[in-house]
Amino acid sequence: MSDRRSFLQKIGLLSLASVSGFSSSAWNKQLLVIEQEISKSRGNELTTDEDFWAYVQQCYAIAPGFINFNNGNISPAPKSVAEAMKQNYDFSNQAPSYFMLRILDKGRETLRKNLARLAGTDAEEIALVRNTSEALETVIFGINLQRGDEVVLTKQDYPNMIAAWQQREKREGIKLVWINLDLPSENDDALVKKYTDAFSSKTKVVQITHVINWTGRSCR
């Protein structure tokens, strides 16, 4: 079974691969280097591997004089990803109905299989979406809930996810049970108790944010 570090490393690769388009050569070389570096660092703390992070830094076109602290919804794309997107966009525009639908679209299933290999799962468990918000919204709107069912979430959750649950509340009559986390906090037990105190016999879903985007607090 994978530990959390291994899982997060795979998620990082999936995040890069999922937006890289179907251009293969440059991306495959970069992916191979990343996989090799992560493989060598399995038993060590990857966070202290300065050579690895120097390589990662060079993968991005960073504007001089700026430090980007927002690596979430407006994260910069690696150079190889940006180039692949440009190439595929220009390629599609030459004859969209042919190049986009008959050529590029054929690479979709190959991409899903490659992503499944990285994640250690079946290709049928992989869905290609445009971003994390779209992925979570797909899950939120797909859960089978009935009127009166309760969903526990916090006021510190990501706004798009809150909005998705509020839509279901208005449309379907589910009940949102709100908790307010006392942040900043280093007391994990107190944070967990906030959730469990809100549970009832009608609780069907609990939304737990791994890293709160407002503060960077990790909910381990």
Protein backbone atom coordinates (compact mmCIF):
# COMPACT_ATOMS: atom_id res chain seq x y z
CA MET A 1 0.00 0.00 0.00
CA SER A 2 1.30 3.48 -0.88
CA ASP A 3 2.06 5.89 1.93
CA ARG A 4 0.83 9.49 1.83
CA ARG A 5 4.11 10.85 0.44
CA SER A 6 4.09 8.34 -2.41
CA PHE A 7 0.43 9.09 -3.12
CA LEU A 8 1.03 12.85 -3.25
CA GLN A 9 4.04 12.37 -5.53
CA LYS A 10 1.84 10.43 -7.93
CA ILE A 11 -0.86 13.11 -7.73
CA GLY A 12 1.75 15.70 -8.66
CA LEU A 13 2.68 13.72 -11.74
CA LEU A 14 -0.97 13.23 -12.65
CA SER A 15 -1.60 16.96 -12.34
CA LEU A 16 1.22 17.69 -14.79
CA ALA A 17 0.31 14.89 -17.17
CA SER A 18 -3.40 15.67 -17.29
CA VAL A 19 -2.87 19.13 -18.79
CA SER A 20 0.02 18.29 -21.08
CA GLY A 21 -2.04 17.56 -24.18
CA PHE A 22 -1.12 14.74 -26.53
CA SER A 23 2.24 16.03 -27.79
CA SER A 24 4.58 13.29 -26.71
CA SER A 25 8.31 13.77 -27.20
CA ALA A 26 9.21 16.71 -24.91
CA TRP A 27 6.66 15.71 -22.30
CA ASN A 28 7.72 12.08 -22.20
CA LYS A 29 11.36 13.10 -21.63
CA GLN A 30 10.41 15.43 -18.79
CA LEU A 31 8.08 12.86 -17.24
CA LEU A 32 10.85 10.23 -17.36
CA VAL A 33 13.27 12.57 -15.54
CA ILE A 34 10.69 13.36 -12.85
CA GLU A 35 9.87 9.68 -12.34
CA GLN A 36 13.56 8.80 -12.08
CA GLU A 37 14.26 11.57 -9.56
CA ILE A 38 11.27 10.62 -7.41
CA SER A 39 12.26 6.95 -7.58
CA LYS A 40 15.76 7.77 -6.32
CA SER A 41 14.32 9.87 -3.50
CA ARG A 42 11.80 7.31 -2.22
CA GLY A 43 13.69 6.70 1.00
CA ASN A 44 14.71 10.31 1.55
CA GLU A 45 13.05 13.62 2.21
CA LEU A 46 12.29 14.98 -1.26
CA THR A 47 11.87 18.45 0.23
CA THR A 48 15.62 18.66 0.95
CA ASP A 49 16.79 17.48 -2.48
CA GLU A 50 18.10 20.82 -3.83
CA ASP A 51 19.16 19.34 -7.19
CA PHE A 52 15.65 18.05 -7.81
CA TRP A 53 14.00 21.37 -6.94
CA ALA A 54 16.53 23.28 -9.05
CA TYR A 55 15.44 21.12 -11.97
CA VAL A 56 11.76 21.77 -11.17
CA GLN A 57 12.45 25.52 -11.00
CA GLN A 58 13.95 25.47 -14.49
CA CYS A 59 10.78 23.85 -15.81
CA TYR A 60 8.89 27.13 -15.35
CA ALA A 61 9.15 30.50 -17.09
CA ILE A 62 9.20 32.78 -14.05
CA ALA A 63 9.01 36.57 -14.42
CA PRO A 64 12.06 38.24 -12.80
CA GLY A 65 11.31 40.00 -9.52
CA PHE A 66 8.20 37.97 -8.71
CA ILE A 67 7.64 35.15 -6.23
CA ASN A 68 4.46 33.19 -6.97
CA PHE A 69 2.74 32.07 -3.77
CA ASN A 70 -0.46 30.98 -5.51
CA ASN A 71 0.11 27.51 -6.93
CA GLY A 72 -3.52 26.49 -6.95
CA ASN A 73 -6.22 27.75 -9.29
CA ILE A 74 -3.87 30.14 -11.14
CA SER A 75 -0.70 28.10 -11.02
CA PRO A 76 1.77 28.63 -13.87
CA ALA A 77 2.15 25.71 -16.27
CA PRO A 78 5.55 24.07 -16.85
CA LYS A 79 7.26 25.10 -20.09
CA SER A 80 6.63 21.70 -21.69
CA VAL A 81 2.93 21.89 -20.85
CA ALA A 82 2.57 25.41 -22.22
CA GLU A 83 4.39 24.43 -25.42
CA ALA A 84 2.27 21.30 -25.88
CA MET A 85 -0.91 23.33 -25.45
CA LYS A 86 0.24 25.90 -28.02
CA GLN A 87 1.31 23.23 -30.49
CA ASN A 88 -1.94 21.30 -30.22
CA TYR A 89 -4.02 24.49 -30.45
CA ASP A 90 -2.23 25.58 -33.63
CA PHE A 91 -2.43 22.05 -35.01
CA SER A 92 -6.19 21.87 -34.36
CA ASN A 93 -6.85 25.24 -35.97
CA GLN A 94 -5.43 24.08 -39.29
CA ALA A 95 -8.45 21.82 -39.82
CA PRO A 96 -10.44 21.43 -36.57
CA SER A 97 -12.93 18.81 -37.70
CA TYR A 98 -10.13 16.56 -38.91
CA PHE A 99 -7.03 17.22 -36.78
CA MET A 100 -8.88 17.76 -33.49
CA LEU A 101 -11.53 15.06 -33.79
CA ARG A 102 -9.78 12.41 -35.86
CA ILE A 103 -6.13 12.81 -34.84
CA LEU A 104 -5.77 14.32 -31.38
CA ASP A 105 -8.90 12.68 -29.98
CA LYS A 106 -7.42 9.25 -30.70
CA GLY A 107 -4.79 9.95 -28.07
CA ARG A 108 -7.35 10.28 -25.28
CA GLU A 109 -7.53 6.61 -24.33
CA THR A 110 -3.75 6.24 -24.53
CA LEU A 111 -3.42 9.16 -22.15
CA ARG A 112 -5.94 7.63 -19.75
CA LYS A 113 -4.01 4.35 -19.74
CA ASN A 114 -0.72 6.15 -19.05
CA LEU A 115 -2.30 8.12 -16.21
CA ALA A 116 -3.77 4.91 -14.79
CA ARG A 117 -0.31 3.31 -14.88
CA LEU A 118 1.14 6.22 -12.89
CA ALA A 119 -1.69 6.08 -10.38
CA GLY A 120 -1.59 2.30 -10.07
CA THR A 121 -5.24 1.90 -10.99
CA ASP A 122 -7.51 0.87 -13.86
CA ALA A 123 -8.04 3.25 -16.79
CA GLU A 124 -11.80 3.08 -16.18
CA GLU A 125 -11.22 4.84 -12.85
CA ILE A 126 -9.56 7.82 -14.55
CA ALA A 127 -11.62 10.82 -15.70
CA LEU A 128 -10.03 13.61 -17.74
CA VAL A 129 -11.16 17.02 -16.51
CA ARG A 130 -9.86 20.57 -16.89
CA ASN A 131 -9.01 21.32 -13.26
CA THR A 132 -9.47 20.30 -9.63
CA SER A 133 -12.63 22.37 -9.17
CA GLU A 134 -14.31 20.64 -12.09
CA ALA A 135 -13.23 17.24 -10.74
CA LEU A 136 -14.62 17.90 -7.25
CA GLU A 137 -17.82 19.44 -8.63
CA THR A 138 -18.34 16.29 -10.73
CA VAL A 139 -18.13 14.24 -7.53
CA ILE A 140 -20.31 16.63 -5.51
CA PHE A 141 -23.11 16.68 -8.08
CA GLY A 142 -22.85 12.92 -8.62
CA ILE A 143 -23.38 11.78 -5.02
CA ASN A 144 -26.84 10.33 -4.49
CA LEU A 145 -28.52 12.40 -1.76
CA GLN A 146 -32.13 12.79 -0.68
CA ARG A 147 -34.01 15.76 0.77
CA GLY A 148 -33.00 16.20 4.41
CA ASP A 149 -29.64 14.42 4.07
CA GLU A 150 -26.88 16.34 5.83
CA VAL A 151 -23.48 17.41 4.52
CA VAL A 152 -20.88 18.63 7.02
CA LEU A 153 -18.49 21.28 5.71
CA THR A 154 -16.58 24.31 6.96
CA LYS A 155 -16.72 28.02 6.25
CA GLN A 156 -13.03 27.76 5.33
CA ASP A 157 -13.59 25.32 2.44
CA TYR A 158 -12.78 26.33 -1.12
CA PRO A 159 -15.44 28.78 -2.48
CA ASN A 160 -16.24 26.75 -5.61
CA MET A 161 -16.97 23.67 -3.52
CA ILE A 162 -19.15 25.67 -1.13
CA ALA A 163 -21.08 27.08 -4.10
CA ALA A 164 -21.61 23.57 -5.52
CA TRP A 165 -23.08 22.30 -2.24
CA GLN A 166 -25.26 25.41 -1.95
CA GLN A 167 -26.68 24.69 -5.40
CA ARG A 168 -27.68 21.22 -4.27
CA GLU A 169 -29.14 22.69 -1.09
CA LYS A 170 -31.38 25.05 -3.09
CA ARG A 171 -32.35 22.55 -5.76
CA GLU A 172 -32.76 19.35 -3.77
CA GLY A 173 -33.36 20.37 -0.16
CA ILE A 174 -30.29 18.76 1.40
CA LYS A 175 -29.07 20.33 4.64
CA LEU A 176 -25.64 21.93 4.94
CA VAL A 177 -24.21 21.71 8.46
CA TRP A 178 -21.57 24.42 8.89
CA ILE A 179 -18.62 24.38 11.24
CA ASN A 180 -16.14 27.19 11.78
CA LEU A 181 -12.54 26.10 12.35
CA ASP A 182 -10.53 28.04 14.91
CA LEU A 183 -7.49 29.01 12.87
CA PRO A 184 -4.57 29.19 13.15
CA SER A 185 -4.39 26.04 15.23
CA GLU A 186 -1.87 23.27 15.86
CA ASN A 187 -4.36 21.13 17.78
CA ASP A 188 -5.39 18.36 15.39
CA ASP A 189 -7.68 16.73 17.94
CA ALA A 190 -9.63 19.96 18.39
CA LEU A 191 -10.11 20.29 14.65
CA VAL A 192 -11.32 16.70 14.35
CA LYS A 193 -13.75 17.26 17.24
CA LYS A 194 -15.27 20.19 15.35
CA TYR A 195 -16.30 17.75 12.65
CA THR A 196 -17.44 14.87 14.83
CA ASP A 197 -19.55 17.15 17.03
CA ALA A 198 -21.53 18.10 13.92
CA PHE A 199 -22.35 14.52 12.96
CA SER A 200 -25.88 13.17 13.29
CA SER A 201 -27.86 10.18 12.10
CA LYS A 202 -28.63 12.15 8.91
CA THR A 203 -24.98 12.88 8.05
CA LYS A 204 -24.24 11.42 4.62
CA VAL A 205 -21.18 13.36 3.46
CA VAL A 206 -18.26 15.05 5.21
CA GLN A 207 -16.15 17.45 3.16
CA ILE A 208 -12.61 17.75 4.52
CA THR A 209 -10.17 20.13 2.87
CA HIS A 210 -6.63 18.75 2.86
CA VAL A 211 -4.97 22.19 2.67
CA ILE A 212 -7.05 25.28 3.43
CA ASN A 213 -6.28 27.80 0.70
CA TRP A 214 -6.77 30.86 2.91
CA THR A 215 -4.13 29.90 5.47
CA GLY A 216 -2.16 26.94 4.08
CA ARG A 217 -3.22 24.86 7.12
CA SER A 218 -2.88 21.16 6.39
CA CYS A 219 -5.62 18.91 7.81
CA ARG A 220 -3.67 15.69 8.28
